[in-house]
Amino acid sequence: MNKFIRLKEHRDKLNNMLSRLSFNEKKYILKKVDERIIKSSNRLLEEKDKFKKLPKRFKDEKVASIIHLTRNIFASHEIDELYKTKRSENIRVVK
């Protein structure tokens, strides 16, 4: 029996975090987060097992949970960094 797991609550939380951003910002953040997850997961794998992209379906619930949680954590960090850069551009020194 092939049972594929997709964690709806984690996906909804990520969607909720990204809902306030424009399309280009969402695309930039998700691309950066996915590259970071792939890079960190490939660090310990052999050459034949390395990821080229994130899997859409998982057979193990623990692996799915870990990847979705790390994706949410990295996305929230990148959103914070994006807001910091936007704020720093808007702040002007008054003399």
C-alpha atoms as a PDB file:
ATOM      1  CA  MET A   1       0.000   0.000   0.000  1.00  0.00           C
ATOM      2  CA  ASN A   2       1.499   3.288  -1.084  1.00  0.00           C
ATOM      3  CA  LYS A   3       0.498   6.001   1.301  1.00  0.00           C
ATOM      4  CA  PHE A   4       1.634   9.496   0.453  1.00  0.00           C
ATOM      5  CA  ILE A   5       1.620  12.157   3.114  1.00  0.00           C
ATOM      6  CA  ARG A   6       0.986  15.850   2.562  1.00  0.00           C
ATOM      7  CA  LEU A   7       0.865  17.911   5.701  1.00  0.00           C
ATOM      8  CA  LYS A   8      -1.966  20.375   5.226  1.00  0.00           C
ATOM      9  CA  GLU A   9      -1.430  22.397   8.401  1.00  0.00           C
ATOM     10  CA  HIS A  10       2.209  23.164   7.539  1.00  0.00           C
ATOM     11  CA  ARG A  11       1.302  24.117   3.979  1.00  0.00           C
ATOM     12  CA  ASP A  12      -1.518  26.369   5.233  1.00  0.00           C
ATOM     13  CA  LYS A  13       0.827  28.056   7.706  1.00  0.00           C
ATOM     14  CA  LEU A  14       3.345  28.771   4.939  1.00  0.00           C
ATOM     15  CA  ASN A  15       0.572  30.115   2.720  1.00  0.00           C
ATOM     16  CA  ASN A  16      -0.616  32.360   5.546  1.00  0.00           C
ATOM     17  CA  MET A  17       2.910  33.748   6.073  1.00  0.00           C
ATOM     18  CA  LEU A  18       3.324  34.511   2.384  1.00  0.00           C
ATOM     19  CA  SER A  19      -0.138  35.978   1.846  1.00  0.00           C
ATOM     20  CA  ARG A  20       0.953  39.555   2.617  1.00  0.00           C
ATOM     21  CA  LEU A  21       3.703  39.597  -0.021  1.00  0.00           C
ATOM     22  CA  SER A  22       3.636  40.357  -3.723  1.00  0.00           C
ATOM     23  CA  PHE A  23       4.047  37.584  -6.279  1.00  0.00           C
ATOM     24  CA  ASN A  24       7.682  38.428  -7.033  1.00  0.00           C
ATOM     25  CA  GLU A  25       8.564  38.497  -3.325  1.00  0.00           C
ATOM     26  CA  LYS A  26       6.853  35.125  -2.778  1.00  0.00           C
ATOM     27  CA  LYS A  27       8.719  33.656  -5.716  1.00  0.00           C
ATOM     28  CA  TYR A  28      12.059  35.022  -4.492  1.00  0.00           C
ATOM     29  CA  ILE A  29      11.560  33.763  -0.937  1.00  0.00           C
ATOM     30  CA  LEU A  30      10.348  30.291  -1.902  1.00  0.00           C
ATOM     31  CA  LYS A  31      13.178  29.869  -4.380  1.00  0.00           C
ATOM     32  CA  LYS A  32      15.756  30.903  -1.797  1.00  0.00           C
ATOM     33  CA  VAL A  33      14.223  28.683   0.916  1.00  0.00           C
ATOM     34  CA  ASP A  34      14.018  25.627  -1.344  1.00  0.00           C
ATOM     35  CA  GLU A  35      17.632  26.059  -2.455  1.00  0.00           C
ATOM     36  CA  ARG A  36      18.688  26.296   1.181  1.00  0.00           C
ATOM     37  CA  ILE A  37      16.817  23.130   2.165  1.00  0.00           C
ATOM     38  CA  ILE A  38      18.168  21.172  -0.801  1.00  0.00           C
ATOM     39  CA  LYS A  39      21.714  22.352  -0.110  1.00  0.00           C
ATOM     40  CA  SER A  40      21.520  21.427   3.570  1.00  0.00           C
ATOM     41  CA  SER A  41      19.916  18.024   2.933  1.00  0.00           C
ATOM     42  CA  ASN A  42      22.431  17.100   0.219  1.00  0.00           C
ATOM     43  CA  ARG A  43      25.319  17.762   2.553  1.00  0.00           C
ATOM     44  CA  LEU A  44      25.069  14.297   4.102  1.00  0.00           C
ATOM     45  CA  LEU A  45      23.789  12.259   1.146  1.00  0.00           C
ATOM     46  CA  GLU A  46      25.790  10.256  -1.356  1.00  0.00           C
ATOM     47  CA  GLU A  47      26.128  11.428  -4.957  1.00  0.00           C
ATOM     48  CA  LYS A  48      23.400   9.120  -6.315  1.00  0.00           C
ATOM     49  CA  ASP A  49      20.852  10.070  -3.608  1.00  0.00           C
ATOM     50  CA  LYS A  50      21.148  13.857  -3.801  1.00  0.00           C
ATOM     51  CA  PHE A  51      18.046  15.994  -4.287  1.00  0.00           C
ATOM     52  CA  LYS A  52      17.643  18.188  -7.346  1.00  0.00           C
ATOM     53  CA  LYS A  53      14.303  19.560  -6.172  1.00  0.00           C
ATOM     54  CA  LEU A  54      12.030  19.056  -3.197  1.00  0.00           C
ATOM     55  CA  PRO A  55       9.754  16.022  -3.420  1.00  0.00           C
ATOM     56  CA  LYS A  56       6.053  16.800  -3.658  1.00  0.00           C
ATOM     57  CA  ARG A  57       4.969  13.628  -1.882  1.00  0.00           C
ATOM     58  CA  PHE A  58       6.542  11.759   0.991  1.00  0.00           C
ATOM     59  CA  LYS A  59       6.213   8.131   2.062  1.00  0.00           C
ATOM     60  CA  ASP A  60       7.453   8.763   5.600  1.00  0.00           C
ATOM     61  CA  GLU A  61       5.548  11.095   7.908  1.00  0.00           C
ATOM     62  CA  LYS A  62       8.606  12.097   9.938  1.00  0.00           C
ATOM     63  CA  VAL A  63      10.592  13.173   6.881  1.00  0.00           C
ATOM     64  CA  ALA A  64       7.625  15.134   5.544  1.00  0.00           C
ATOM     65  CA  SER A  65       7.153  16.863   8.892  1.00  0.00           C
ATOM     66  CA  ILE A  66      10.837  17.785   9.178  1.00  0.00           C
ATOM     67  CA  ILE A  67      11.054  19.210   5.665  1.00  0.00           C
ATOM     68  CA  HIS A  68       7.851  21.228   6.026  1.00  0.00           C
ATOM     69  CA  LEU A  69       8.881  22.581   9.422  1.00  0.00           C
ATOM     70  CA  THR A  70      12.317  23.632   8.177  1.00  0.00           C
ATOM     71  CA  ARG A  71      10.695  25.226   5.149  1.00  0.00           C
ATOM     72  CA  ASN A  72       8.404  27.253   7.410  1.00  0.00           C
ATOM     73  CA  ILE A  73      11.286  28.283   9.668  1.00  0.00           C
ATOM     74  CA  PHE A  74      13.504  29.376   6.776  1.00  0.00           C
ATOM     75  CA  ALA A  75      10.589  31.200   5.118  1.00  0.00           C
ATOM     76  CA  SER A  76       9.789  33.162   8.281  1.00  0.00           C
ATOM     77  CA  HIS A  77      13.484  34.098   8.599  1.00  0.00           C
ATOM     78  CA  GLU A  78      13.632  35.260   4.969  1.00  0.00           C
ATOM     79  CA  ILE A  79      10.422  37.281   5.376  1.00  0.00           C
ATOM     80  CA  ASP A  80      11.922  39.011   8.421  1.00  0.00           C
ATOM     81  CA  GLU A  81      15.083  39.801   6.446  1.00  0.00           C
ATOM     82  CA  LEU A  82      12.991  41.174   3.582  1.00  0.00           C
ATOM     83  CA  TYR A  83      11.085  43.462   5.949  1.00  0.00           C
ATOM     84  CA  LYS A  84      14.353  44.640   7.558  1.00  0.00           C
ATOM     85  CA  THR A  85      15.767  45.642   4.181  1.00  0.00           C
ATOM     86  CA  LYS A  86      12.532  47.426   3.271  1.00  0.00           C
ATOM     87  CA  ARG A  87      12.574  49.316   6.574  1.00  0.00           C
ATOM     88  CA  SER A  88      16.221  50.296   6.225  1.00  0.00           C
ATOM     89  CA  GLU A  89      15.516  51.711   2.755  1.00  0.00           C
ATOM     90  CA  ASN A  90      12.680  53.848   4.147  1.00  0.00           C
ATOM     91  CA  ILE A  91      14.575  55.206   7.144  1.00  0.00           C
ATOM     92  CA  ARG A  92      16.352  58.472   6.403  1.00  0.00           C
ATOM     93  CA  VAL A  93      18.779  60.256   8.669  1.00  0.00           C
ATOM     94  CA  VAL A  94      17.532  63.646   9.809  1.00  0.00           C
ATOM     95  CA  LYS A  95      20.221  66.268  10.409  1.00  0.00           C
END
